[in-house]
Amino acid sequence: MTNGGVHLIDHPLVQHKITLMRRKEASTNSFRRLVREVSAMMAYEVMRDVAVQEIEVETPLGITTGNVMDGKKVVFVSVLRAGTGLLEGMLDVVPSARVGHIGLYRDPKIRVAVEYYFKMPGDLHERDLIVLDPLLATGNSAIAAIDRLREHRPKSIKFVCLVTCPEGVAALTGAHPEVPIYTAAIDHGLDEHGFILPGLGDVGDRLFGTK
């Protein structure tokens, strides 16, 4: 389902796994596996409009033509550390993609994203970037990441998350209306600390078994 620049991936399999992921009793192993599975499923919608070229191939019974994509022109940008969970599923589907990393942490006092790491493939102006961050809450981290990436003038940018909320959508679309958002859930809103309700909890902690 698409509403403006927001693509809600409401396939029953995706929704089933998001529900299992939400359970507070889900183990680290189970949560990690579910994140990987959902991100792989989401990749099909995220990559729907990727450029392809026609090539000739020989089957065991004859010659035909088919379409192939150049995965090397795609860059999955993982927002550390929780973006790593989404990255694994995306690479399962597009193993030839390039990978970039942005390290951001949220200052708890002023709720501003602070960058501590940035590493990207070269020639971003020739590449399509897909930013991976499990939660789009206040939008501060997403906006900071995309601001930084736009300095390199990539061909295109998309943003992928598991769960967002109206506040996060409004913030990101307000700052970067040209960037489509792909999500598996749009939750009620934010609490007084800027966390999504009901959300998934701290995805980084749940992925890595930390506190």
N, C-alpha and C. Protein backbone atom coordinates (compact mmCIF):
# COMPACT_ATOMS: atom_id res chain seq x y z
N MET A 1 0.85 -1.19 0.00
CA MET A 1 0.00 0.00 0.00
C MET A 1 0.89 1.24 0.00
N THR A 2 0.58 2.18 -0.88
CA THR A 2 1.39 3.39 -1.02
C THR A 2 0.55 4.61 -0.72
N ASN A 3 1.07 5.50 0.11
CA ASN A 3 0.41 6.76 0.42
C ASN A 3 1.44 7.87 0.29
N GLY A 4 1.36 8.60 -0.84
CA GLY A 4 2.38 9.60 -1.11
C GLY A 4 3.72 8.93 -1.32
N GLY A 5 4.71 9.32 -0.55
CA GLY A 5 6.02 8.71 -0.66
C GLY A 5 6.26 7.59 0.32
N VAL A 6 5.20 7.15 1.02
CA VAL A 6 5.34 6.09 2.02
C VAL A 6 4.76 4.80 1.48
N HIS A 7 5.59 3.75 1.47
CA HIS A 7 5.17 2.44 0.97
C HIS A 7 5.06 1.49 2.16
N LEU A 8 3.83 1.14 2.53
CA LEU A 8 3.59 0.20 3.62
C LEU A 8 3.51 -1.20 3.03
N ILE A 9 4.44 -2.05 3.40
CA ILE A 9 4.50 -3.40 2.86
C ILE A 9 3.65 -4.28 3.77
N ASP A 10 2.41 -4.50 3.34
CA ASP A 10 1.43 -5.16 4.19
C ASP A 10 1.16 -6.61 3.79
N HIS A 11 2.11 -7.24 3.11
CA HIS A 11 1.95 -8.65 2.75
C HIS A 11 1.74 -9.47 4.02
N PRO A 12 0.82 -10.45 4.00
CA PRO A 12 0.54 -11.24 5.20
C PRO A 12 1.77 -11.89 5.83
N LEU A 13 2.71 -12.37 5.02
CA LEU A 13 3.92 -12.99 5.58
C LEU A 13 4.76 -11.98 6.35
N VAL A 14 4.88 -10.78 5.78
CA VAL A 14 5.64 -9.73 6.46
C VAL A 14 4.96 -9.35 7.78
N GLN A 15 3.64 -9.18 7.74
CA GLN A 15 2.91 -8.79 8.94
C GLN A 15 2.97 -9.87 10.01
N HIS A 16 2.90 -11.13 9.60
CA HIS A 16 3.03 -12.25 10.53
C HIS A 16 4.36 -12.19 11.28
N LYS A 17 5.43 -11.97 10.55
CA LYS A 17 6.75 -11.97 11.17
C LYS A 17 7.00 -10.71 12.01
N ILE A 18 6.42 -9.59 11.60
CA ILE A 18 6.52 -8.39 12.43
C ILE A 18 5.83 -8.62 13.77
N THR A 19 4.68 -9.28 13.75
CA THR A 19 3.97 -9.58 14.99
C THR A 19 4.80 -10.47 15.90
N LEU A 20 5.42 -11.51 15.35
CA LEU A 20 6.29 -12.37 16.14
C LEU A 20 7.47 -11.60 16.70
N MET A 21 7.97 -10.67 15.92
CA MET A 21 9.12 -9.85 16.32
C MET A 21 8.77 -8.93 17.50
N ARG A 22 7.55 -8.48 17.56
CA ARG A 22 7.14 -7.53 18.60
C ARG A 22 7.14 -8.17 20.00
N ARG A 23 6.96 -9.46 20.09
CA ARG A 23 6.80 -10.12 21.39
C ARG A 23 8.02 -9.89 22.27
N LYS A 24 7.79 -9.42 23.48
CA LYS A 24 8.93 -9.13 24.37
C LYS A 24 9.67 -10.38 24.77
N GLU A 25 9.02 -11.56 24.69
CA GLU A 25 9.69 -12.80 25.06
C GLU A 25 10.49 -13.42 23.92
N ALA A 26 10.48 -12.80 22.73
CA ALA A 26 11.26 -13.33 21.61
C ALA A 26 12.74 -13.35 21.98
N SER A 27 13.40 -14.48 21.76
CA SER A 27 14.82 -14.61 22.08
C SER A 27 15.66 -13.79 21.11
N THR A 28 16.91 -13.55 21.49
CA THR A 28 17.83 -12.84 20.60
C THR A 28 17.95 -13.56 19.27
N ASN A 29 18.09 -14.87 19.30
CA ASN A 29 18.22 -15.66 18.08
C ASN A 29 16.98 -15.54 17.21
N SER A 30 15.80 -15.65 17.83
CA SER A 30 14.54 -15.55 17.09
C SER A 30 14.36 -14.15 16.50
N PHE A 31 14.62 -13.13 17.30
CA PHE A 31 14.46 -11.75 16.84
C PHE A 31 15.39 -11.47 15.67
N ARG A 32 16.64 -11.89 15.79
CA ARG A 32 17.62 -11.67 14.73
C ARG A 32 17.19 -12.36 13.43
N ARG A 33 16.71 -13.59 13.55
CA ARG A 33 16.28 -14.34 12.38
C ARG A 33 15.08 -13.67 11.72
N LEU A 34 14.13 -13.20 12.53
CA LEU A 34 12.94 -12.55 11.98
C LEU A 34 13.29 -11.25 11.26
N VAL A 35 14.19 -10.46 11.83
CA VAL A 35 14.61 -9.22 11.17
C VAL A 35 15.22 -9.54 9.80
N ARG A 36 16.05 -10.55 9.76
CA ARG A 36 16.69 -10.94 8.50
C ARG A 36 15.66 -11.40 7.48
N GLU A 37 14.70 -12.20 7.92
CA GLU A 37 13.67 -12.71 7.00
C GLU A 37 12.78 -11.59 6.48
N VAL A 38 12.36 -10.69 7.36
CA VAL A 38 11.49 -9.59 6.93
C VAL A 38 12.23 -8.66 5.96
N SER A 39 13.47 -8.36 6.24
CA SER A 39 14.21 -7.46 5.35
C SER A 39 14.39 -8.08 3.98
N ALA A 40 14.59 -9.40 3.91
CA ALA A 40 14.70 -10.06 2.61
C ALA A 40 13.39 -9.96 1.85
N MET A 41 12.27 -10.13 2.54
CA MET A 41 10.97 -10.00 1.88
C MET A 41 10.73 -8.57 1.41
N MET A 42 11.10 -7.60 2.23
CA MET A 42 10.91 -6.20 1.86
C MET A 42 11.74 -5.82 0.65
N ALA A 43 12.87 -6.50 0.47
CA ALA A 43 13.75 -6.18 -0.66
C ALA A 43 13.03 -6.27 -1.99
N TYR A 44 12.07 -7.18 -2.10
CA TYR A 44 11.36 -7.35 -3.37
C TYR A 44 10.60 -6.08 -3.74
N GLU A 45 9.96 -5.44 -2.76
CA GLU A 45 9.24 -4.20 -3.04
C GLU A 45 10.19 -3.02 -3.20
N VAL A 46 11.21 -2.97 -2.36
CA VAL A 46 12.17 -1.86 -2.42
C VAL A 46 12.87 -1.83 -3.77
N MET A 47 13.15 -3.00 -4.34
CA MET A 47 13.90 -3.09 -5.60
C MET A 47 12.99 -3.18 -6.83
N ARG A 48 11.71 -2.96 -6.65
CA ARG A 48 10.75 -3.16 -7.74
C ARG A 48 11.08 -2.33 -8.98
N ASP A 49 11.57 -1.11 -8.80
CA ASP A 49 11.81 -0.21 -9.94
C ASP A 49 13.29 -0.12 -10.31
N VAL A 50 14.10 -1.07 -9.86
CA VAL A 50 15.53 -1.04 -10.17
C VAL A 50 15.75 -1.21 -11.67
N ALA A 51 16.76 -0.55 -12.20
CA ALA A 51 17.05 -0.64 -13.63
C ALA A 51 17.56 -2.03 -13.99
N VAL A 52 17.12 -2.52 -15.14
CA VAL A 52 17.57 -3.83 -15.64
C VAL A 52 18.01 -3.67 -17.09
N GLN A 53 18.76 -4.66 -17.56
CA GLN A 53 19.13 -4.70 -18.97
C GLN A 53 18.85 -6.10 -19.51
N GLU A 54 18.51 -6.15 -20.78
CA GLU A 54 18.20 -7.43 -21.42
C GLU A 54 19.49 -8.08 -21.92
N ILE A 55 19.64 -9.36 -21.62
CA ILE A 55 20.79 -10.11 -22.12
C ILE A 55 20.30 -11.41 -22.76
N GLU A 56 21.17 -12.00 -23.55
CA GLU A 56 20.88 -13.29 -24.17
C GLU A 56 21.48 -14.40 -23.32
N VAL A 57 20.70 -15.45 -23.09
CA VAL A 57 21.18 -16.58 -22.31
C VAL A 57 20.85 -17.88 -23.04
N GLU A 58 21.70 -18.86 -22.80
CA GLU A 58 21.46 -20.18 -23.40
C GLU A 58 20.98 -21.14 -22.32
N THR A 59 19.79 -21.67 -22.50
CA THR A 59 19.27 -22.67 -21.59
C THR A 59 19.69 -24.06 -22.09
N PRO A 60 19.42 -25.13 -21.34
CA PRO A 60 19.74 -26.47 -21.84
C PRO A 60 19.02 -26.82 -23.14
N LEU A 61 17.95 -26.05 -23.46
CA LEU A 61 17.15 -26.40 -24.64
C LEU A 61 17.14 -25.33 -25.72
N GLY A 62 17.81 -24.22 -25.52
CA GLY A 62 17.80 -23.21 -26.57
C GLY A 62 18.28 -21.86 -26.09
N ILE A 63 18.09 -20.85 -26.96
CA ILE A 63 18.52 -19.47 -26.70
C ILE A 63 17.29 -18.63 -26.39
N THR A 64 17.42 -17.75 -25.38
CA THR A 64 16.34 -16.83 -25.06
C THR A 64 16.96 -15.54 -24.52
N THR A 65 16.13 -14.61 -24.17
CA THR A 65 16.60 -13.36 -23.55
C THR A 65 15.94 -13.20 -22.19
N GLY A 66 16.57 -12.43 -21.34
CA GLY A 66 16.02 -12.15 -20.02
C GLY A 66 16.61 -10.88 -19.45
N ASN A 67 16.02 -10.40 -18.38
CA ASN A 67 16.47 -9.17 -17.75
C ASN A 67 17.36 -9.46 -16.55
N VAL A 68 18.42 -8.68 -16.40
CA VAL A 68 19.29 -8.76 -15.23
C VAL A 68 19.53 -7.35 -14.70
N MET A 69 19.75 -7.26 -13.40
CA MET A 69 20.09 -5.98 -12.78
C MET A 69 21.57 -5.96 -12.46
N ASP A 70 22.11 -4.77 -12.38
CA ASP A 70 23.51 -4.60 -12.00
C ASP A 70 23.55 -4.31 -10.51
N GLY A 71 23.68 -5.37 -9.71
CA GLY A 71 23.67 -5.20 -8.27
C GLY A 71 24.79 -4.33 -7.76
N LYS A 72 25.88 -4.23 -8.52
CA LYS A 72 27.02 -3.43 -8.08
C LYS A 72 26.69 -1.94 -8.05
N LYS A 73 25.62 -1.53 -8.74
CA LYS A 73 25.22 -0.13 -8.73
C LYS A 73 24.32 0.21 -7.54
N VAL A 74 23.97 -0.81 -6.77
CA VAL A 74 23.14 -0.63 -5.57
C VAL A 74 24.04 -0.60 -4.34
N VAL A 75 23.80 0.36 -3.46
CA VAL A 75 24.54 0.43 -2.20
C VAL A 75 23.55 0.37 -1.05
N PHE A 76 23.68 -0.65 -0.21
CA PHE A 76 22.92 -0.72 1.02
C PHE A 76 23.70 0.03 2.09
N VAL A 77 23.08 1.06 2.65
CA VAL A 77 23.73 1.89 3.66
C VAL A 77 23.16 1.53 5.03
N SER A 78 23.95 0.86 5.83
CA SER A 78 23.52 0.44 7.16
C SER A 78 23.79 1.54 8.17
N VAL A 79 22.74 1.97 8.87
CA VAL A 79 22.91 2.93 9.96
C VAL A 79 23.22 2.12 11.21
N LEU A 80 24.45 2.25 11.68
CA LEU A 80 24.92 1.43 12.81
C LEU A 80 24.23 1.86 14.11
N ARG A 81 23.99 0.83 15.00
CA ARG A 81 24.39 -0.54 14.75
C ARG A 81 23.22 -1.41 14.29
N ALA A 82 22.00 -0.94 14.58
CA ALA A 82 20.82 -1.78 14.34
C ALA A 82 20.58 -2.05 12.86
N GLY A 83 21.07 -1.19 11.98
CA GLY A 83 20.88 -1.42 10.55
C GLY A 83 21.52 -2.69 10.05
N THR A 84 22.46 -3.24 10.83
CA THR A 84 23.13 -4.48 10.44
C THR A 84 22.14 -5.62 10.27
N GLY A 85 21.11 -5.66 11.11
CA GLY A 85 20.12 -6.72 11.00
C GLY A 85 19.39 -6.70 9.67
N LEU A 86 19.01 -5.52 9.20
CA LEU A 86 18.36 -5.39 7.90
C LEU A 86 19.33 -5.69 6.77
N LEU A 87 20.58 -5.31 6.94
CA LEU A 87 21.57 -5.50 5.88
C LEU A 87 21.72 -6.96 5.50
N GLU A 88 21.72 -7.85 6.46
CA GLU A 88 21.93 -9.27 6.17
C GLU A 88 20.84 -9.81 5.25
N GLY A 89 19.59 -9.46 5.52
CA GLY A 89 18.50 -9.93 4.68
C GLY A 89 18.55 -9.35 3.28
N MET A 90 18.89 -8.08 3.17
CA MET A 90 19.00 -7.46 1.86
C MET A 90 20.11 -8.11 1.03
N LEU A 91 21.23 -8.40 1.66
CA LEU A 91 22.34 -9.03 0.94
C LEU A 91 22.02 -10.47 0.55
N ASP A 92 21.14 -11.13 1.29
CA ASP A 92 20.70 -12.46 0.88
C ASP A 92 20.05 -12.40 -0.50
N VAL A 93 19.33 -11.31 -0.77
CA VAL A 93 18.60 -11.17 -2.03
C VAL A 93 19.47 -10.54 -3.11
N VAL A 94 20.31 -9.57 -2.75
CA VAL A 94 21.16 -8.88 -3.72
C VAL A 94 22.62 -8.99 -3.24
N PRO A 95 23.23 -10.17 -3.37
CA PRO A 95 24.57 -10.37 -2.81
C PRO A 95 25.66 -9.56 -3.49
N SER A 96 25.41 -9.07 -4.70
CA SER A 96 26.44 -8.29 -5.41
C SER A 96 26.41 -6.81 -5.05
N ALA A 97 25.46 -6.39 -4.22
CA ALA A 97 25.37 -4.98 -3.84
C ALA A 97 26.59 -4.55 -3.06
N ARG A 98 26.90 -3.27 -3.15
CA ARG A 98 27.94 -2.67 -2.33
C ARG A 98 27.33 -2.25 -0.99
N VAL A 99 28.19 -2.02 0.00
CA VAL A 99 27.71 -1.72 1.35
C VAL A 99 28.43 -0.49 1.90
N GLY A 100 27.67 0.41 2.49
CA GLY A 100 28.23 1.54 3.21
C GLY A 100 27.74 1.53 4.64
N HIS A 101 28.44 2.24 5.52
CA HIS A 101 28.05 2.31 6.93
C HIS A 101 28.09 3.76 7.41
N ILE A 102 27.07 4.12 8.16
CA ILE A 102 27.06 5.40 8.87
C ILE A 102 26.85 5.09 10.35
N GLY A 103 27.76 5.59 11.18
CA GLY A 103 27.61 5.43 12.62
C GLY A 103 27.00 6.68 13.23
N LEU A 104 25.84 6.53 13.86
CA LEU A 104 25.15 7.64 14.51
C LEU A 104 24.70 7.21 15.90
N TYR A 105 24.77 8.12 16.85
CA TYR A 105 24.14 7.84 18.14
C TYR A 105 23.28 9.04 18.51
N ARG A 106 22.25 8.76 19.29
CA ARG A 106 21.32 9.82 19.68
C ARG A 106 21.73 10.40 21.02
N ASP A 107 22.01 11.69 21.04
CA ASP A 107 22.31 12.36 22.30
C ASP A 107 21.04 12.35 23.16
N PRO A 108 21.06 11.69 24.31
CA PRO A 108 19.83 11.53 25.10
C PRO A 108 19.28 12.83 25.67
N LYS A 109 20.13 13.85 25.77
CA LYS A 109 19.67 15.10 26.36
C LYS A 109 18.96 15.98 25.35
N ILE A 110 19.52 16.07 24.15
CA ILE A 110 18.94 16.97 23.15
C ILE A 110 18.34 16.23 21.96
N ARG A 111 18.42 14.88 21.99
CA ARG A 111 17.81 14.03 20.95
C ARG A 111 18.28 14.39 19.55
N VAL A 112 19.55 14.68 19.44
CA VAL A 112 20.15 15.00 18.15
C VAL A 112 21.08 13.86 17.76
N ALA A 113 21.07 13.49 16.47
CA ALA A 113 21.94 12.42 15.98
C ALA A 113 23.36 12.95 15.80
N VAL A 114 24.32 12.24 16.36
CA VAL A 114 25.73 12.62 16.28
C VAL A 114 26.47 11.56 15.48
N GLU A 115 27.21 11.99 14.44
CA GLU A 115 27.93 11.04 13.60
C GLU A 115 29.29 10.69 14.20
N TYR A 116 29.62 9.39 14.21
CA TYR A 116 30.94 8.96 14.66
C TYR A 116 31.66 8.09 13.64
N TYR A 117 30.98 7.72 12.54
CA TYR A 117 31.63 6.86 11.53
C TYR A 117 30.94 7.06 10.19
N PHE A 118 31.73 7.07 9.11
CA PHE A 118 31.17 7.21 7.77
C PHE A 118 32.12 6.54 6.78
N LYS A 119 31.66 5.49 6.12
CA LYS A 119 32.48 4.76 5.14
C LYS A 119 31.58 4.29 4.01
N MET A 120 31.90 4.75 2.78
CA MET A 120 31.07 4.45 1.62
C MET A 120 31.91 3.96 0.46
N PRO A 121 31.30 3.20 -0.47
CA PRO A 121 31.98 2.89 -1.73
C PRO A 121 32.23 4.17 -2.51
N GLY A 122 33.11 4.10 -3.50
CA GLY A 122 33.37 5.25 -4.34
C GLY A 122 32.29 5.47 -5.38
N ASP A 123 32.35 6.60 -6.05
CA ASP A 123 31.46 6.92 -7.17
C ASP A 123 29.98 6.83 -6.79
N LEU A 124 29.61 7.42 -5.66
CA LEU A 124 28.21 7.36 -5.24
C LEU A 124 27.30 8.05 -6.24
N HIS A 125 27.83 8.97 -7.02
CA HIS A 125 26.99 9.67 -8.00
C HIS A 125 26.48 8.73 -9.08
N GLU A 126 27.05 7.54 -9.18
CA GLU A 126 26.60 6.55 -10.17
C GLU A 126 25.74 5.46 -9.54
N ARG A 127 25.42 5.59 -8.26
CA ARG A 127 24.80 4.48 -7.54
C ARG A 127 23.46 4.87 -6.92
N ASP A 128 22.62 3.84 -6.74
CA ASP A 128 21.34 3.98 -6.04
C ASP A 128 21.54 3.54 -4.60
N LEU A 129 21.22 4.41 -3.65
CA LEU A 129 21.45 4.15 -2.24
C LEU A 129 20.15 3.74 -1.54
N ILE A 130 20.25 2.71 -0.72
CA ILE A 130 19.12 2.24 0.07
C ILE A 130 19.55 2.27 1.53
N VAL A 131 19.00 3.21 2.28
CA VAL A 131 19.39 3.42 3.68
C VAL A 131 18.58 2.49 4.57
N LEU A 132 19.26 1.77 5.45
CA LEU A 132 18.64 0.75 6.29
C LEU A 132 18.74 1.13 7.76
N ASP A 133 17.60 1.32 8.40
CA ASP A 133 17.54 1.62 9.83
C ASP A 133 16.21 1.07 10.34
N PRO A 134 16.21 0.14 11.29
CA PRO A 134 14.97 -0.55 11.64
C PRO A 134 13.83 0.34 12.09
N LEU A 135 14.14 1.45 12.76
CA LEU A 135 13.09 2.31 13.30
C LEU A 135 13.23 3.73 12.77
N LEU A 136 12.10 4.31 12.36
CA LEU A 136 12.04 5.73 12.00
C LEU A 136 11.15 6.38 13.04
N ALA A 137 11.76 6.93 14.10
CA ALA A 137 11.02 7.47 15.24
C ALA A 137 10.89 8.99 15.12
N THR A 138 11.82 9.72 15.71
CA THR A 138 11.78 11.19 15.57
C THR A 138 12.20 11.63 14.18
N GLY A 139 12.95 10.77 13.50
CA GLY A 139 13.46 11.11 12.16
C GLY A 139 14.82 11.77 12.18
N ASN A 140 15.35 12.09 13.36
CA ASN A 140 16.62 12.82 13.42
C ASN A 140 17.77 12.04 12.81
N SER A 141 17.88 10.75 13.13
CA SER A 141 18.98 9.95 12.59
C SER A 141 18.85 9.78 11.08
N ALA A 142 17.63 9.50 10.62
CA ALA A 142 17.41 9.32 9.18
C ALA A 142 17.75 10.59 8.41
N ILE A 143 17.32 11.73 8.93
CA ILE A 143 17.59 13.00 8.26
C ILE A 143 19.09 13.28 8.25
N ALA A 144 19.76 13.03 9.37
CA ALA A 144 21.21 13.26 9.44
C ALA A 144 21.95 12.36 8.46
N ALA A 145 21.53 11.09 8.37
CA ALA A 145 22.18 10.16 7.44
C ALA A 145 21.99 10.60 6.00
N ILE A 146 20.77 10.99 5.65
CA ILE A 146 20.50 11.38 4.27
C ILE A 146 21.15 12.72 3.93
N ASP A 147 21.17 13.64 4.88
CA ASP A 147 21.91 14.90 4.67
C ASP A 147 23.35 14.60 4.28
N ARG A 148 23.97 13.69 5.01
CA ARG A 148 25.38 13.35 4.76
C ARG A 148 25.56 12.68 3.41
N LEU A 149 24.65 11.77 3.07
CA LEU A 149 24.76 11.06 1.80
C LEU A 149 24.54 11.99 0.61
N ARG A 150 23.67 12.95 0.74
CA ARG A 150 23.39 13.86 -0.37
C ARG A 150 24.59 14.73 -0.72
N GLU A 151 25.53 14.86 0.19
CA GLU A 151 26.76 15.59 -0.13
C GLU A 151 27.51 14.93 -1.28
N HIS A 152 27.28 13.62 -1.48
CA HIS A 152 27.98 12.86 -2.52
C HIS A 152 27.15 12.73 -3.80
N ARG A 153 25.99 13.35 -3.85
CA ARG A 153 25.13 13.41 -5.04
C ARG A 153 24.86 12.03 -5.66
N PRO A 154 24.29 11.11 -4.89
CA PRO A 154 23.96 9.79 -5.46
C PRO A 154 22.83 9.90 -6.47
N LYS A 155 22.69 8.87 -7.31
CA LYS A 155 21.60 8.85 -8.30
C LYS A 155 20.25 8.91 -7.61
N SER A 156 20.09 8.14 -6.55
CA SER A 156 18.81 8.11 -5.83
C SER A 156 19.04 7.62 -4.41
N ILE A 157 18.08 7.92 -3.54
CA ILE A 157 18.12 7.44 -2.16
C ILE A 157 16.73 6.93 -1.79
N LYS A 158 16.67 5.77 -1.16
CA LYS A 158 15.45 5.24 -0.55
C LYS A 158 15.74 4.97 0.92
N PHE A 159 14.69 5.00 1.73
CA PHE A 159 14.84 4.71 3.16
C PHE A 159 13.97 3.53 3.53
N VAL A 160 14.58 2.55 4.21
CA VAL A 160 13.87 1.32 4.59
C VAL A 160 13.92 1.15 6.10
N CYS A 161 12.76 0.91 6.70
CA CYS A 161 12.68 0.62 8.13
C CYS A 161 11.64 -0.47 8.36
N LEU A 162 11.67 -1.05 9.54
CA LEU A 162 10.66 -2.04 9.90
C LEU A 162 9.40 -1.37 10.44
N VAL A 163 9.59 -0.37 11.29
CA VAL A 163 8.47 0.30 11.96
C VAL A 163 8.73 1.80 11.98
N THR A 164 7.66 2.56 11.74
CA THR A 164 7.73 4.01 11.87
C THR A 164 6.47 4.50 12.56
N CYS A 165 6.28 5.81 12.57
CA CYS A 165 5.12 6.43 13.20
C CYS A 165 4.84 7.74 12.46
N PRO A 166 3.67 8.35 12.68
CA PRO A 166 3.36 9.58 11.94
C PRO A 166 4.40 10.69 12.13
N GLU A 167 4.95 10.82 13.34
CA GLU A 167 5.93 11.87 13.58
C GLU A 167 7.20 11.66 12.75
N GLY A 168 7.66 10.42 12.69
CA GLY A 168 8.86 10.11 11.91
C GLY A 168 8.66 10.33 10.43
N VAL A 169 7.50 9.89 9.93
CA VAL A 169 7.18 10.08 8.52
C VAL A 169 7.13 11.57 8.18
N ALA A 170 6.46 12.35 9.03
CA ALA A 170 6.34 13.79 8.78
C ALA A 170 7.70 14.47 8.78
N ALA A 171 8.56 14.07 9.72
CA ALA A 171 9.88 14.70 9.81
C ALA A 171 10.72 14.39 8.58
N LEU A 172 10.77 13.11 8.17
CA LEU A 172 11.63 12.74 7.05
C LEU A 172 11.09 13.28 5.73
N THR A 173 9.78 13.18 5.52
CA THR A 173 9.22 13.70 4.26
C THR A 173 9.31 15.23 4.22
N GLY A 174 9.26 15.87 5.37
CA GLY A 174 9.42 17.31 5.40
C GLY A 174 10.83 17.74 5.03
N ALA A 175 11.82 16.98 5.50
CA ALA A 175 13.21 17.33 5.22
C ALA A 175 13.66 16.85 3.85
N HIS A 176 13.17 15.68 3.43
CA HIS A 176 13.60 15.07 2.16
C HIS A 176 12.39 14.47 1.43
N PRO A 177 11.55 15.32 0.86
CA PRO A 177 10.34 14.80 0.20
C PRO A 177 10.62 13.91 -0.99
N GLU A 178 11.84 13.97 -1.53
CA GLU A 178 12.19 13.15 -2.69
C GLU A 178 12.58 11.73 -2.32
N VAL A 179 12.71 11.44 -1.03
CA VAL A 179 13.16 10.12 -0.57
C VAL A 179 11.96 9.26 -0.19
N PRO A 180 11.68 8.19 -0.93
CA PRO A 180 10.56 7.31 -0.55
C PRO A 180 10.90 6.51 0.70
N ILE A 181 9.88 6.23 1.49
CA ILE A 181 10.02 5.46 2.73
C ILE A 181 9.33 4.11 2.54
N TYR A 182 10.04 3.04 2.87
CA TYR A 182 9.47 1.69 2.83
C TYR A 182 9.45 1.16 4.26
N THR A 183 8.28 0.72 4.70
CA THR A 183 8.14 0.25 6.07
C THR A 183 7.16 -0.91 6.14
N ALA A 184 7.27 -1.71 7.20
CA ALA A 184 6.34 -2.81 7.40
C ALA A 184 5.24 -2.46 8.40
N ALA A 185 5.37 -1.34 9.10
CA ALA A 185 4.35 -0.95 10.07
C ALA A 185 4.43 0.54 10.36
N ILE A 186 3.26 1.15 10.55
CA ILE A 186 3.17 2.54 10.99
C ILE A 186 2.43 2.52 12.32
N ASP A 187 3.17 2.74 13.41
CA ASP A 187 2.61 2.63 14.75
C ASP A 187 1.96 3.94 15.20
N HIS A 188 1.47 3.95 16.45
CA HIS A 188 0.62 5.04 16.93
C HIS A 188 1.36 6.37 17.05
N GLY A 189 2.56 6.35 17.61
CA GLY A 189 3.26 7.60 17.84
C GLY A 189 4.46 7.40 18.73
N LEU A 190 4.92 8.50 19.35
CA LEU A 190 6.11 8.48 20.20
C LEU A 190 5.74 8.72 21.66
N ASP A 191 6.54 8.13 22.57
CA ASP A 191 6.36 8.46 23.98
C ASP A 191 7.17 9.71 24.32
N GLU A 192 7.21 10.06 25.60
CA GLU A 192 7.89 11.29 26.00
C GLU A 192 9.40 11.24 25.82
N HIS A 193 9.92 10.03 25.61
CA HIS A 193 11.36 9.88 25.39
C HIS A 193 11.73 9.76 23.91
N GLY A 194 10.74 9.83 23.04
CA GLY A 194 11.00 9.75 21.61
C GLY A 194 11.07 8.34 21.08
N PHE A 195 10.50 7.36 21.82
CA PHE A 195 10.48 5.98 21.36
C PHE A 195 9.11 5.64 20.78
N ILE A 196 9.11 4.78 19.75
CA ILE A 196 7.86 4.41 19.07
C ILE A 196 7.01 3.52 19.96
N LEU A 197 5.70 3.82 20.01
CA LEU A 197 4.72 2.99 20.71
C LEU A 197 3.75 2.37 19.72
N PRO A 198 3.47 1.05 19.81
CA PRO A 198 4.08 0.08 20.73
C PRO A 198 5.49 -0.36 20.30
N GLY A 199 5.81 -0.22 19.03
CA GLY A 199 7.18 -0.40 18.55
C GLY A 199 7.73 -1.80 18.70
N LEU A 200 9.07 -1.86 18.74
CA LEU A 200 9.80 -3.13 18.85
C LEU A 200 10.76 -3.13 20.04
N GLY A 201 10.80 -2.05 20.79
CA GLY A 201 11.83 -1.92 21.81
C GLY A 201 13.12 -1.42 21.19
N ASP A 202 14.23 -1.61 21.89
CA ASP A 202 15.54 -1.22 21.38
C ASP A 202 16.03 -2.32 20.45
N VAL A 203 15.97 -2.07 19.16
CA VAL A 203 16.29 -3.10 18.17
C VAL A 203 17.75 -3.53 18.28
N GLY A 204 18.65 -2.59 18.50
CA GLY A 204 20.06 -2.95 18.64
C GLY A 204 20.29 -3.91 19.79
N ASP A 205 19.70 -3.62 20.94
CA ASP A 205 19.84 -4.50 22.10
C ASP A 205 19.22 -5.87 21.83
N ARG A 206 18.09 -5.89 21.17
CA ARG A 206 17.41 -7.16 20.90
C ARG A 206 18.15 -7.98 19.85
N LEU A 207 18.81 -7.32 18.92
CA LEU A 207 19.60 -8.04 17.91
C LEU A 207 20.86 -8.66 18.50
N PHE A 208 21.51 -7.93 19.40
CA PHE A 208 22.84 -8.33 19.86
C PHE A 208 22.87 -8.83 21.30
N GLY A 209 21.71 -8.86 21.95
CA GLY A 209 21.67 -9.38 23.31
C GLY A 209 22.35 -8.50 24.33
N THR A 210 22.31 -7.19 24.09
CA THR A 210 22.94 -6.23 25.01
C THR A 210 21.87 -5.48 25.78
N LYS A 211 22.29 -4.70 26.74
CA LYS A 211 21.38 -3.90 27.55
C LYS A 211 21.71 -2.42 27.41
